Amino acid sequence: MKLKLFKSDGTEAGDHEVANFPELEEGKGTDALRQVILAVRANKRQGNASTKLRSEVAGSGKKIYRQKGLGVGRAGDKRAPQRRGGGIVFGPKPRSYSQKLNKKVKKLAFKRALIDQADSKNLIVIEDFSIDSPKTKLLNGVITKIAPDSKKVLLVSDEHNDNTSLAGRNLSYARLSSTPDLGPVDIVQADKIIFSVKGIDSLLEKLGNS
């Protein structure tokens, strides 16, 4: 797999040959990627919504009025579900929405996401993320040269230095990530993904394609 290569200052340096880039059949891993995205979103849910049953609502359990003689329906207490302020039938209770996925499914989804972005020409390699000082303007200038029209840029390296980390904090359209923390959802959500040479090598090693 050949990816565009840029120097640290954002100038083009030809192509970078990525050995042992993952390969999958057409459509394979799409369902796994979908499962992972749904699981990540589900695991973020707090699951703390709660309603009160009839027995939990505060108030008297006394019958509202007598059984016969008034010409109205036979009513019980005020906590009945059909009355305002009464209990809730089949309402939500605190629960866990977390989903567990196998490692093989996660790995397959990771490969599918990576391949899809590569096919869309959204993967770029830079020699190294190195700027002289922790200035947002410097990092913004490099990103603008590499991906001028992108609204969501992901910068991935094996480990970002202090200058890059501090400079990237104020960029609303860019996000920094290290290879161990990278997930399939991060790859899918980005318009452009800029890997350092060490970053993509460590990622392929993580996927077992070193």
N, C-alpha and C. Protein backbone atom coordinates (compact mmCIF):
# COMPACT_ATOMS: atom_id res chain seq x y z
N MET A 1 0.84 -1.19 0.00
CA MET A 1 0.00 0.00 0.00
C MET A 1 0.88 1.25 0.00
N LYS A 2 0.65 2.15 -0.98
CA LYS A 2 1.39 3.40 -1.05
C LYS A 2 0.53 4.53 -0.53
N LEU A 3 1.08 5.30 0.39
CA LEU A 3 0.39 6.46 0.95
C LEU A 3 1.24 7.70 0.71
N LYS A 4 0.59 8.84 0.61
CA LYS A 4 1.32 10.09 0.42
C LYS A 4 2.18 10.38 1.65
N LEU A 5 3.39 10.82 1.38
CA LEU A 5 4.34 11.12 2.46
C LEU A 5 4.65 12.62 2.45
N PHE A 6 4.65 13.20 3.66
CA PHE A 6 4.97 14.60 3.83
C PHE A 6 6.11 14.75 4.84
N LYS A 7 6.86 15.81 4.69
CA LYS A 7 7.91 16.12 5.65
C LYS A 7 7.30 16.79 6.88
N SER A 8 8.13 17.02 7.89
CA SER A 8 7.64 17.59 9.14
C SER A 8 7.10 19.00 8.97
N ASP A 9 7.57 19.71 7.94
CA ASP A 9 7.09 21.08 7.72
C ASP A 9 5.87 21.13 6.81
N GLY A 10 5.36 19.98 6.36
CA GLY A 10 4.15 19.94 5.55
C GLY A 10 4.37 19.89 4.06
N THR A 11 5.60 19.83 3.61
CA THR A 11 5.89 19.73 2.17
C THR A 11 5.87 18.28 1.72
N GLU A 12 5.48 18.06 0.47
CA GLU A 12 5.36 16.70 -0.05
C GLU A 12 6.74 16.06 -0.22
N ALA A 13 6.78 14.74 0.03
CA ALA A 13 8.03 14.00 -0.10
C ALA A 13 7.83 12.70 -0.86
N GLY A 14 6.84 12.69 -1.77
CA GLY A 14 6.61 11.48 -2.57
C GLY A 14 5.63 10.53 -1.91
N ASP A 15 5.88 9.23 -2.09
CA ASP A 15 5.01 8.19 -1.54
C ASP A 15 5.77 7.36 -0.51
N HIS A 16 4.98 6.81 0.42
CA HIS A 16 5.56 5.94 1.45
C HIS A 16 4.97 4.55 1.29
N GLU A 17 5.80 3.58 1.11
CA GLU A 17 5.36 2.20 0.94
C GLU A 17 5.12 1.58 2.32
N VAL A 18 3.87 1.22 2.58
CA VAL A 18 3.51 0.59 3.85
C VAL A 18 3.43 -0.91 3.63
N ALA A 19 4.38 -1.62 4.18
CA ALA A 19 4.41 -3.07 4.00
C ALA A 19 3.37 -3.75 4.89
N ASN A 20 2.82 -4.83 4.38
CA ASN A 20 1.87 -5.65 5.14
C ASN A 20 0.65 -4.86 5.61
N PHE A 21 0.16 -3.97 4.75
CA PHE A 21 -1.08 -3.27 5.07
C PHE A 21 -2.22 -4.27 5.04
N PRO A 22 -3.17 -4.19 5.97
CA PRO A 22 -4.25 -5.19 6.02
C PRO A 22 -5.05 -5.28 4.72
N GLU A 23 -5.47 -6.47 4.40
CA GLU A 23 -6.28 -6.70 3.21
C GLU A 23 -7.48 -7.56 3.59
N LEU A 24 -8.65 -7.19 3.07
CA LEU A 24 -9.88 -7.93 3.32
C LEU A 24 -10.67 -8.03 2.03
N GLU A 25 -11.52 -9.05 1.96
CA GLU A 25 -12.41 -9.18 0.82
C GLU A 25 -13.44 -8.06 0.85
N GLU A 26 -14.01 -7.79 -0.30
CA GLU A 26 -15.01 -6.72 -0.42
C GLU A 26 -16.20 -7.00 0.50
N GLY A 27 -16.50 -6.06 1.40
CA GLY A 27 -17.64 -6.20 2.31
C GLY A 27 -17.35 -6.93 3.61
N LYS A 28 -16.23 -7.63 3.67
CA LYS A 28 -15.92 -8.37 4.90
C LYS A 28 -15.54 -7.39 6.02
N GLY A 29 -16.12 -7.58 7.17
CA GLY A 29 -15.83 -6.72 8.31
C GLY A 29 -16.76 -5.54 8.46
N THR A 30 -17.65 -5.33 7.49
CA THR A 30 -18.59 -4.20 7.57
C THR A 30 -19.53 -4.35 8.74
N ASP A 31 -20.06 -5.57 8.92
CA ASP A 31 -20.97 -5.82 10.05
C ASP A 31 -20.24 -5.72 11.38
N ALA A 32 -18.99 -6.17 11.41
CA ALA A 32 -18.20 -6.06 12.64
C ALA A 32 -17.96 -4.60 13.01
N LEU A 33 -17.70 -3.78 12.01
CA LEU A 33 -17.51 -2.35 12.25
C LEU A 33 -18.79 -1.72 12.78
N ARG A 34 -19.90 -2.12 12.24
CA ARG A 34 -21.19 -1.61 12.71
C ARG A 34 -21.43 -2.01 14.17
N GLN A 35 -21.12 -3.26 14.50
CA GLN A 35 -21.31 -3.72 15.88
C GLN A 35 -20.43 -2.95 16.86
N VAL A 36 -19.20 -2.67 16.44
CA VAL A 36 -18.29 -1.95 17.33
C VAL A 36 -18.78 -0.53 17.56
N ILE A 37 -19.25 0.14 16.51
CA ILE A 37 -19.74 1.51 16.65
C ILE A 37 -20.95 1.55 17.58
N LEU A 38 -21.86 0.60 17.41
CA LEU A 38 -23.04 0.55 18.28
C LEU A 38 -22.64 0.25 19.73
N ALA A 39 -21.65 -0.62 19.91
CA ALA A 39 -21.21 -0.98 21.26
C ALA A 39 -20.55 0.21 21.95
N VAL A 40 -19.74 0.96 21.21
CA VAL A 40 -19.08 2.13 21.80
C VAL A 40 -20.11 3.16 22.24
N ARG A 41 -21.10 3.39 21.41
CA ARG A 41 -22.14 4.35 21.76
C ARG A 41 -22.99 3.86 22.94
N ALA A 42 -23.28 2.56 22.95
CA ALA A 42 -24.07 2.00 24.04
C ALA A 42 -23.31 2.06 25.37
N ASN A 43 -22.00 1.84 25.32
CA ASN A 43 -21.21 1.85 26.55
C ASN A 43 -21.08 3.24 27.14
N LYS A 44 -21.36 4.27 26.35
CA LYS A 44 -21.31 5.64 26.87
C LYS A 44 -22.60 6.02 27.60
N ARG A 45 -23.64 5.25 27.45
CA ARG A 45 -24.91 5.57 28.09
C ARG A 45 -24.81 5.32 29.60
N GLN A 46 -25.34 6.24 30.36
CA GLN A 46 -25.28 6.11 31.83
C GLN A 46 -26.29 5.10 32.34
N GLY A 47 -27.45 5.04 31.71
CA GLY A 47 -28.47 4.08 32.14
C GLY A 47 -29.04 4.38 33.50
N ASN A 48 -29.16 5.66 33.86
CA ASN A 48 -29.65 6.02 35.19
C ASN A 48 -31.07 6.58 35.18
N ALA A 49 -31.79 6.47 34.04
CA ALA A 49 -33.18 6.93 33.99
C ALA A 49 -34.03 6.04 34.90
N SER A 50 -34.90 6.68 35.69
CA SER A 50 -35.68 5.92 36.66
C SER A 50 -37.03 6.57 36.89
N THR A 51 -38.07 5.75 36.92
CA THR A 51 -39.41 6.22 37.27
C THR A 51 -39.91 5.42 38.46
N LYS A 52 -40.94 5.96 39.11
CA LYS A 52 -41.47 5.32 40.32
C LYS A 52 -42.69 4.47 40.01
N LEU A 53 -42.73 3.33 40.63
CA LEU A 53 -43.90 2.48 40.54
C LEU A 53 -45.00 3.02 41.46
N ARG A 54 -46.17 2.41 41.37
CA ARG A 54 -47.30 2.83 42.21
C ARG A 54 -46.97 2.72 43.69
N SER A 55 -46.20 1.70 44.03
CA SER A 55 -45.86 1.49 45.45
C SER A 55 -44.79 2.45 45.94
N GLU A 56 -44.10 3.12 45.01
CA GLU A 56 -43.00 4.01 45.39
C GLU A 56 -43.40 5.48 45.43
N VAL A 57 -44.55 5.82 44.87
CA VAL A 57 -44.98 7.22 44.84
C VAL A 57 -45.43 7.64 46.24
N ALA A 58 -44.98 8.85 46.64
CA ALA A 58 -45.36 9.37 47.96
C ALA A 58 -46.82 9.82 47.94
N GLY A 59 -47.53 9.58 49.01
CA GLY A 59 -48.93 9.99 49.10
C GLY A 59 -49.74 8.94 49.83
N SER A 60 -50.95 9.35 50.12
CA SER A 60 -51.84 8.47 50.87
C SER A 60 -52.39 7.36 50.00
N GLY A 61 -52.65 6.23 50.60
CA GLY A 61 -53.25 5.12 49.89
C GLY A 61 -54.75 5.04 50.13
N LYS A 62 -55.28 6.11 50.71
CA LYS A 62 -56.71 6.12 51.01
C LYS A 62 -57.53 6.23 49.74
N LYS A 63 -58.67 5.58 49.73
CA LYS A 63 -59.60 5.66 48.60
C LYS A 63 -60.09 7.10 48.47
N ILE A 64 -60.13 7.61 47.21
CA ILE A 64 -60.44 9.02 46.98
C ILE A 64 -61.85 9.36 47.47
N TYR A 65 -62.85 8.58 47.11
CA TYR A 65 -64.21 8.78 47.60
C TYR A 65 -64.89 7.43 47.67
N ARG A 66 -66.07 7.45 48.24
CA ARG A 66 -66.74 6.18 48.53
C ARG A 66 -67.06 5.41 47.26
N GLN A 67 -67.29 4.11 47.44
CA GLN A 67 -67.45 3.20 46.31
C GLN A 67 -68.72 3.48 45.52
N LYS A 68 -69.83 3.78 46.19
CA LYS A 68 -71.13 3.89 45.51
C LYS A 68 -71.81 5.20 45.89
N GLY A 69 -72.74 5.59 45.04
CA GLY A 69 -73.61 6.70 45.39
C GLY A 69 -73.28 8.03 44.76
N LEU A 70 -72.16 8.19 44.10
CA LEU A 70 -71.78 9.49 43.54
C LEU A 70 -71.95 9.54 42.03
N GLY A 71 -72.22 8.43 41.39
CA GLY A 71 -72.43 8.42 39.95
C GLY A 71 -71.15 8.56 39.14
N VAL A 72 -70.01 8.26 39.74
CA VAL A 72 -68.74 8.32 39.01
C VAL A 72 -68.07 6.96 39.07
N GLY A 73 -66.97 6.85 38.35
CA GLY A 73 -66.27 5.57 38.33
C GLY A 73 -65.73 5.22 39.70
N ARG A 74 -65.51 3.94 39.90
CA ARG A 74 -65.00 3.46 41.18
C ARG A 74 -63.48 3.65 41.21
N ALA A 75 -63.04 4.65 41.95
CA ALA A 75 -61.62 5.02 41.97
C ALA A 75 -60.95 4.54 43.24
N GLY A 76 -59.67 4.24 43.10
CA GLY A 76 -58.89 3.84 44.26
C GLY A 76 -58.12 5.04 44.81
N ASP A 77 -56.85 4.87 45.07
CA ASP A 77 -56.06 5.97 45.65
C ASP A 77 -55.45 6.85 44.55
N LYS A 78 -54.83 7.95 44.96
CA LYS A 78 -54.27 8.93 44.03
C LYS A 78 -53.01 8.43 43.34
N ARG A 79 -52.44 7.35 43.86
CA ARG A 79 -51.18 6.86 43.29
C ARG A 79 -51.39 5.91 42.12
N ALA A 80 -52.64 5.75 41.69
CA ALA A 80 -52.95 4.86 40.57
C ALA A 80 -52.30 5.37 39.28
N PRO A 81 -51.85 4.50 38.41
CA PRO A 81 -51.12 4.91 37.20
C PRO A 81 -51.92 5.81 36.27
N GLN A 82 -53.26 5.68 36.25
CA GLN A 82 -54.05 6.48 35.32
C GLN A 82 -54.27 7.90 35.80
N ARG A 83 -53.81 8.23 37.00
CA ARG A 83 -54.00 9.58 37.53
C ARG A 83 -52.71 10.38 37.46
N ARG A 84 -52.90 11.69 37.34
CA ARG A 84 -51.74 12.58 37.28
C ARG A 84 -50.99 12.52 38.61
N GLY A 85 -49.67 12.34 38.51
CA GLY A 85 -48.85 12.23 39.72
C GLY A 85 -48.80 10.83 40.28
N GLY A 86 -49.46 9.90 39.59
CA GLY A 86 -49.44 8.53 40.06
C GLY A 86 -48.21 7.78 39.59
N GLY A 87 -48.20 6.48 39.82
CA GLY A 87 -47.06 5.66 39.43
C GLY A 87 -46.97 5.49 37.92
N ILE A 88 -45.82 5.06 37.44
CA ILE A 88 -45.58 4.84 36.02
C ILE A 88 -45.50 3.34 35.76
N VAL A 89 -46.28 2.90 34.79
CA VAL A 89 -46.28 1.47 34.44
C VAL A 89 -45.25 1.22 33.35
N PHE A 90 -44.42 0.22 33.56
CA PHE A 90 -43.39 -0.17 32.59
C PHE A 90 -42.43 0.98 32.25
N GLY A 91 -42.16 1.84 33.19
CA GLY A 91 -41.22 2.93 32.97
C GLY A 91 -39.78 2.46 33.08
N PRO A 92 -38.82 3.31 32.70
CA PRO A 92 -37.40 2.92 32.76
C PRO A 92 -36.90 2.80 34.19
N LYS A 93 -35.98 1.89 34.37
CA LYS A 93 -35.31 1.70 35.66
C LYS A 93 -33.80 1.67 35.39
N PRO A 94 -32.98 2.02 36.38
CA PRO A 94 -31.53 1.98 36.15
C PRO A 94 -31.07 0.63 35.63
N ARG A 95 -30.28 0.66 34.57
CA ARG A 95 -29.81 -0.57 33.95
C ARG A 95 -28.50 -0.29 33.23
N SER A 96 -27.81 -1.32 32.86
CA SER A 96 -26.55 -1.20 32.13
C SER A 96 -26.79 -1.50 30.66
N TYR A 97 -26.28 -0.62 29.80
CA TYR A 97 -26.40 -0.80 28.36
C TYR A 97 -25.11 -1.35 27.74
N SER A 98 -24.15 -1.67 28.57
CA SER A 98 -22.83 -2.05 28.08
C SER A 98 -22.90 -3.34 27.25
N GLN A 99 -22.10 -3.37 26.20
CA GLN A 99 -22.01 -4.53 25.32
C GLN A 99 -20.57 -5.02 25.29
N LYS A 100 -20.42 -6.32 25.26
CA LYS A 100 -19.09 -6.92 25.21
C LYS A 100 -18.84 -7.49 23.82
N LEU A 101 -17.67 -7.19 23.30
CA LEU A 101 -17.30 -7.69 21.97
C LEU A 101 -16.03 -8.53 22.05
N ASN A 102 -15.95 -9.52 21.20
CA ASN A 102 -14.75 -10.35 21.16
C ASN A 102 -13.58 -9.59 20.54
N LYS A 103 -12.38 -9.98 20.89
CA LYS A 103 -11.19 -9.32 20.37
C LYS A 103 -11.10 -9.47 18.86
N LYS A 104 -11.53 -10.62 18.35
CA LYS A 104 -11.47 -10.84 16.90
C LYS A 104 -12.40 -9.90 16.16
N VAL A 105 -13.56 -9.61 16.74
CA VAL A 105 -14.51 -8.69 16.12
C VAL A 105 -13.94 -7.28 16.11
N LYS A 106 -13.33 -6.87 17.21
CA LYS A 106 -12.72 -5.54 17.28
C LYS A 106 -11.58 -5.40 16.26
N LYS A 107 -10.80 -6.44 16.16
CA LYS A 107 -9.66 -6.41 15.24
C LYS A 107 -10.12 -6.34 13.79
N LEU A 108 -11.16 -7.11 13.48
CA LEU A 108 -11.71 -7.10 12.12
C LEU A 108 -12.30 -5.74 11.79
N ALA A 109 -13.00 -5.14 12.75
CA ALA A 109 -13.59 -3.82 12.54
C ALA A 109 -12.51 -2.76 12.34
N PHE A 110 -11.41 -2.90 13.08
CA PHE A 110 -10.29 -1.96 12.95
C PHE A 110 -9.71 -2.02 11.53
N LYS A 111 -9.53 -3.24 11.04
CA LYS A 111 -8.98 -3.41 9.69
C LYS A 111 -9.94 -2.85 8.64
N ARG A 112 -11.24 -3.12 8.81
CA ARG A 112 -12.22 -2.62 7.84
C ARG A 112 -12.23 -1.10 7.78
N ALA A 113 -12.18 -0.47 8.94
CA ALA A 113 -12.18 0.99 9.00
C ALA A 113 -10.93 1.57 8.35
N LEU A 114 -9.80 0.92 8.60
CA LEU A 114 -8.53 1.39 8.06
C LEU A 114 -8.50 1.24 6.53
N ILE A 115 -8.99 0.12 6.05
CA ILE A 115 -9.01 -0.12 4.61
C ILE A 115 -9.95 0.85 3.90
N ASP A 116 -11.12 1.10 4.49
CA ASP A 116 -12.08 2.02 3.88
C ASP A 116 -11.51 3.42 3.76
N GLN A 117 -10.80 3.87 4.80
CA GLN A 117 -10.20 5.20 4.74
C GLN A 117 -9.05 5.24 3.73
N ALA A 118 -8.31 4.15 3.62
CA ALA A 118 -7.23 4.10 2.63
C ALA A 118 -7.78 4.12 1.21
N ASP A 119 -8.88 3.40 0.98
CA ASP A 119 -9.50 3.40 -0.35
C ASP A 119 -10.05 4.77 -0.72
N SER A 120 -10.45 5.55 0.31
CA SER A 120 -10.97 6.90 0.07
C SER A 120 -9.87 7.96 0.02
N LYS A 121 -8.61 7.51 0.04
CA LYS A 121 -7.46 8.42 -0.01
C LYS A 121 -7.42 9.38 1.18
N ASN A 122 -7.85 8.90 2.34
CA ASN A 122 -7.89 9.75 3.53
C ASN A 122 -6.75 9.47 4.50
N LEU A 123 -5.87 8.52 4.16
CA LEU A 123 -4.73 8.22 5.01
C LEU A 123 -3.48 8.91 4.47
N ILE A 124 -2.79 9.61 5.35
CA ILE A 124 -1.58 10.35 4.97
C ILE A 124 -0.49 10.03 5.99
N VAL A 125 0.74 10.01 5.53
CA VAL A 125 1.88 9.72 6.42
C VAL A 125 2.79 10.95 6.46
N ILE A 126 3.23 11.31 7.65
CA ILE A 126 4.19 12.39 7.85
C ILE A 126 5.43 11.80 8.51
N GLU A 127 6.56 12.36 8.18
CA GLU A 127 7.81 11.81 8.74
C GLU A 127 7.80 11.85 10.26
N ASP A 128 7.38 13.00 10.80
CA ASP A 128 7.34 13.13 12.26
C ASP A 128 6.59 14.39 12.61
N PHE A 129 5.87 14.36 13.74
CA PHE A 129 5.22 15.57 14.25
C PHE A 129 6.22 16.31 15.13
N SER A 130 6.92 17.22 14.55
CA SER A 130 7.93 17.96 15.31
C SER A 130 7.85 19.43 14.96
N ILE A 131 7.57 20.27 15.97
CA ILE A 131 7.57 21.71 15.80
C ILE A 131 8.52 22.31 16.83
N ASP A 132 9.06 23.46 16.49
CA ASP A 132 10.11 24.05 17.33
C ASP A 132 9.60 24.52 18.69
N SER A 133 8.37 24.99 18.74
CA SER A 133 7.82 25.52 19.99
C SER A 133 6.34 25.16 20.08
N PRO A 134 5.77 25.16 21.28
CA PRO A 134 4.36 24.78 21.44
C PRO A 134 3.40 25.88 20.99
N LYS A 135 3.45 26.20 19.71
CA LYS A 135 2.61 27.25 19.16
C LYS A 135 1.54 26.62 18.26
N THR A 136 0.28 26.97 18.53
CA THR A 136 -0.82 26.45 17.72
C THR A 136 -0.68 26.87 16.26
N LYS A 137 -0.16 28.07 16.04
CA LYS A 137 0.00 28.58 14.69
C LYS A 137 0.93 27.70 13.86
N LEU A 138 1.97 27.17 14.47
CA LEU A 138 2.93 26.33 13.74
C LEU A 138 2.29 25.02 13.33
N LEU A 139 1.60 24.37 14.26
CA LEU A 139 0.96 23.09 13.94
C LEU A 139 -0.18 23.29 12.96
N ASN A 140 -0.92 24.37 13.10
CA ASN A 140 -2.01 24.67 12.18
C ASN A 140 -1.48 24.87 10.76
N GLY A 141 -0.32 25.50 10.65
CA GLY A 141 0.27 25.70 9.33
C GLY A 141 0.65 24.40 8.66
N VAL A 142 1.17 23.45 9.43
CA VAL A 142 1.54 22.15 8.87
C VAL A 142 0.30 21.39 8.41
N ILE A 143 -0.74 21.38 9.25
CA ILE A 143 -1.96 20.65 8.91
C ILE A 143 -2.64 21.27 7.70
N THR A 144 -2.63 22.59 7.63
CA THR A 144 -3.27 23.29 6.50
C THR A 144 -2.60 22.94 5.18
N LYS A 145 -1.29 22.76 5.20
CA LYS A 145 -0.58 22.36 3.97
C LYS A 145 -0.94 20.94 3.55
N ILE A 146 -1.08 20.05 4.54
CA ILE A 146 -1.34 18.64 4.23
C ILE A 146 -2.80 18.39 3.90
N ALA A 147 -3.72 18.90 4.73
CA ALA A 147 -5.15 18.68 4.53
C ALA A 147 -5.89 20.00 4.63
N PRO A 148 -5.85 20.82 3.56
CA PRO A 148 -6.41 22.17 3.63
C PRO A 148 -7.92 22.24 3.78
N ASP A 149 -8.65 21.27 3.24
CA ASP A 149 -10.11 21.36 3.22
C ASP A 149 -10.79 20.45 4.24
N SER A 150 -10.04 19.84 5.12
CA SER A 150 -10.62 18.88 6.06
C SER A 150 -11.15 19.59 7.31
N LYS A 151 -12.28 19.10 7.79
CA LYS A 151 -12.91 19.67 8.97
C LYS A 151 -12.67 18.82 10.22
N LYS A 152 -12.30 17.55 10.02
CA LYS A 152 -12.00 16.67 11.15
C LYS A 152 -10.71 15.92 10.83
N VAL A 153 -9.62 16.37 11.45
CA VAL A 153 -8.32 15.77 11.19
C VAL A 153 -7.86 15.03 12.43
N LEU A 154 -7.37 13.83 12.23
CA LEU A 154 -6.86 13.01 13.33
C LEU A 154 -5.36 12.84 13.16
N LEU A 155 -4.59 13.24 14.16
CA LEU A 155 -3.14 13.10 14.14
C LEU A 155 -2.74 11.93 15.01
N VAL A 156 -2.13 10.92 14.43
CA VAL A 156 -1.81 9.69 15.15
C VAL A 156 -0.30 9.47 15.15
N SER A 157 0.24 9.24 16.33
CA SER A 157 1.65 8.90 16.47
C SER A 157 1.79 7.89 17.59
N ASP A 158 2.95 7.25 17.65
CA ASP A 158 3.16 6.31 18.75
C ASP A 158 3.19 7.05 20.09
N GLU A 159 3.70 8.28 20.05
CA GLU A 159 3.69 9.13 21.25
C GLU A 159 3.98 10.58 20.82
N HIS A 160 3.09 11.49 21.18
CA HIS A 160 3.26 12.90 20.83
C HIS A 160 4.14 13.60 21.85
N ASN A 161 5.05 14.44 21.37
CA ASN A 161 5.89 15.19 22.28
C ASN A 161 5.11 16.35 22.89
N ASP A 162 5.72 17.04 23.85
CA ASP A 162 5.02 18.10 24.58
C ASP A 162 4.64 19.26 23.68
N ASN A 163 5.52 19.63 22.77
CA ASN A 163 5.23 20.76 21.88
C ASN A 163 3.99 20.49 21.03
N THR A 164 3.91 19.29 20.46
CA THR A 164 2.76 18.96 19.62
C THR A 164 1.48 18.86 20.45
N SER A 165 1.57 18.27 21.63
CA SER A 165 0.39 18.13 22.49
C SER A 165 -0.16 19.48 22.91
N LEU A 166 0.73 20.40 23.28
CA LEU A 166 0.29 21.73 23.72
C LEU A 166 -0.24 22.54 22.54
N ALA A 167 0.39 22.40 21.38
CA ALA A 167 -0.03 23.17 20.21
C ALA A 167 -1.37 22.69 19.66
N GLY A 168 -1.69 21.41 19.87
CA GLY A 168 -2.92 20.86 19.31
C GLY A 168 -4.15 21.04 20.17
N ARG A 169 -3.97 21.59 21.38
CA ARG A 169 -5.12 21.71 22.27
C ARG A 169 -6.16 22.72 21.79
N ASN A 170 -5.70 23.76 21.11
CA ASN A 170 -6.61 24.83 20.70
C ASN A 170 -7.15 24.68 19.29
N LEU A 171 -6.85 23.58 18.63
CA LEU A 171 -7.34 23.35 17.28
C LEU A 171 -8.69 22.62 17.36
N SER A 172 -9.74 23.32 16.99
CA SER A 172 -11.08 22.74 17.12
C SER A 172 -11.33 21.62 16.11
N TYR A 173 -10.65 21.67 14.97
CA TYR A 173 -10.91 20.70 13.91
C TYR A 173 -9.94 19.51 13.94
N ALA A 174 -8.96 19.55 14.82
CA ALA A 174 -7.94 18.49 14.86
C ALA A 174 -7.92 17.83 16.24
N ARG A 175 -7.58 16.57 16.24
CA ARG A 175 -7.49 15.83 17.51
C ARG A 175 -6.26 14.93 17.47
N LEU A 176 -5.56 14.89 18.60
CA LEU A 176 -4.34 14.07 18.69
C LEU A 176 -4.67 12.76 19.38
N SER A 177 -4.06 11.70 18.88
CA SER A 177 -4.28 10.38 19.47
C SER A 177 -2.99 9.57 19.34
N SER A 178 -2.74 8.74 20.33
CA SER A 178 -1.61 7.83 20.27
C SER A 178 -2.11 6.46 19.79
N THR A 179 -1.22 5.69 19.25
CA THR A 179 -1.60 4.39 18.68
C THR A 179 -2.30 3.46 19.68
N PRO A 180 -1.83 3.35 20.93
CA PRO A 180 -2.52 2.45 21.86
C PRO A 180 -3.96 2.87 22.17
N ASP A 181 -4.26 4.18 22.05
CA ASP A 181 -5.59 4.68 22.38
C ASP A 181 -6.51 4.75 21.17
N LEU A 182 -6.01 4.43 20.00
CA LEU A 182 -6.79 4.58 18.77
C LEU A 182 -7.81 3.46 18.64
N GLY A 183 -9.02 3.80 18.19
CA GLY A 183 -10.07 2.81 18.00
C GLY A 183 -10.73 2.95 16.65
N PRO A 184 -11.54 1.97 16.25
CA PRO A 184 -12.20 2.02 14.94
C PRO A 184 -13.10 3.24 14.78
N VAL A 185 -13.78 3.64 15.85
CA VAL A 185 -14.68 4.79 15.76
C VAL A 185 -13.90 6.07 15.47
N ASP A 186 -12.71 6.20 16.06
CA ASP A 186 -11.87 7.37 15.79
C ASP A 186 -11.51 7.46 14.31
N ILE A 187 -11.23 6.31 13.72
CA ILE A 187 -10.85 6.28 12.31
C ILE A 187 -12.03 6.64 11.42
N VAL A 188 -13.20 6.11 11.75
CA VAL A 188 -14.39 6.35 10.93
C VAL A 188 -14.81 7.81 10.97
N GLN A 189 -14.69 8.46 12.11
CA GLN A 189 -15.19 9.82 12.27
C GLN A 189 -14.30 10.88 11.63
N ALA A 190 -13.08 10.56 11.27
CA ALA A 190 -12.14 11.56 10.76
C ALA A 190 -12.26 11.71 9.25
N ASP A 191 -12.09 12.97 8.79
CA ASP A 191 -12.04 13.23 7.35
C ASP A 191 -10.67 12.85 6.78
N LYS A 192 -9.63 13.23 7.51
CA LYS A 192 -8.26 12.90 7.13
C LYS A 192 -7.53 12.37 8.36
N ILE A 193 -6.71 11.35 8.16
CA ILE A 193 -5.92 10.79 9.25
C ILE A 193 -4.45 10.90 8.87
N ILE A 194 -3.70 11.62 9.69
CA ILE A 194 -2.28 11.82 9.43
C ILE A 194 -1.49 10.97 10.42
N PHE A 195 -0.80 9.95 9.90
CA PHE A 195 0.01 9.06 10.73
C PHE A 195 1.47 9.51 10.65
N SER A 196 2.15 9.41 11.77
CA SER A 196 3.60 9.48 11.69
C SER A 196 4.11 8.12 11.22
N VAL A 197 5.34 8.08 10.74
CA VAL A 197 5.89 6.82 10.25
C VAL A 197 5.93 5.78 11.38
N LYS A 198 6.37 6.22 12.55
CA LYS A 198 6.39 5.31 13.70
C LYS A 198 4.97 4.93 14.12
N GLY A 199 4.05 5.86 13.98
CA GLY A 199 2.68 5.59 14.39
C GLY A 199 2.01 4.51 13.58
N ILE A 200 2.16 4.57 12.25
CA ILE A 200 1.51 3.55 11.42
C ILE A 200 2.22 2.21 11.55
N ASP A 201 3.53 2.23 11.80
CA ASP A 201 4.25 0.97 12.00
C ASP A 201 3.79 0.28 13.29
N SER A 202 3.63 1.07 14.36
CA SER A 202 3.18 0.48 15.63
C SER A 202 1.72 0.04 15.54
N LEU A 203 0.92 0.73 14.71
CA LEU A 203 -0.47 0.32 14.53
C LEU A 203 -0.56 -1.02 13.82
N LEU A 204 0.25 -1.20 12.78
CA LEU A 204 0.24 -2.47 12.06
C LEU A 204 0.76 -3.60 12.93
N GLU A 205 1.70 -3.25 13.80
CA GLU A 205 2.19 -4.26 14.74
C GLU A 205 1.09 -4.65 15.72
N LYS A 206 0.29 -3.68 16.12
CA LYS A 206 -0.85 -3.94 17.01
C LYS A 206 -1.87 -4.84 16.35
N LEU A 207 -2.06 -4.65 15.05
CA LEU A 207 -3.04 -5.47 14.30
C LEU A 207 -2.46 -6.79 13.87
N GLY A 208 -1.20 -7.02 14.16
CA GLY A 208 -0.59 -8.29 13.79
C GLY A 208 -0.12 -8.33 12.36
N ASN A 209 0.14 -7.15 11.76
CA ASN A 209 0.61 -7.09 10.38
C ASN A 209 1.98 -6.42 10.30
N SER A 210 2.81 -6.64 11.31
CA SER A 210 4.14 -5.99 11.32
C SER A 210 5.04 -6.66 10.30
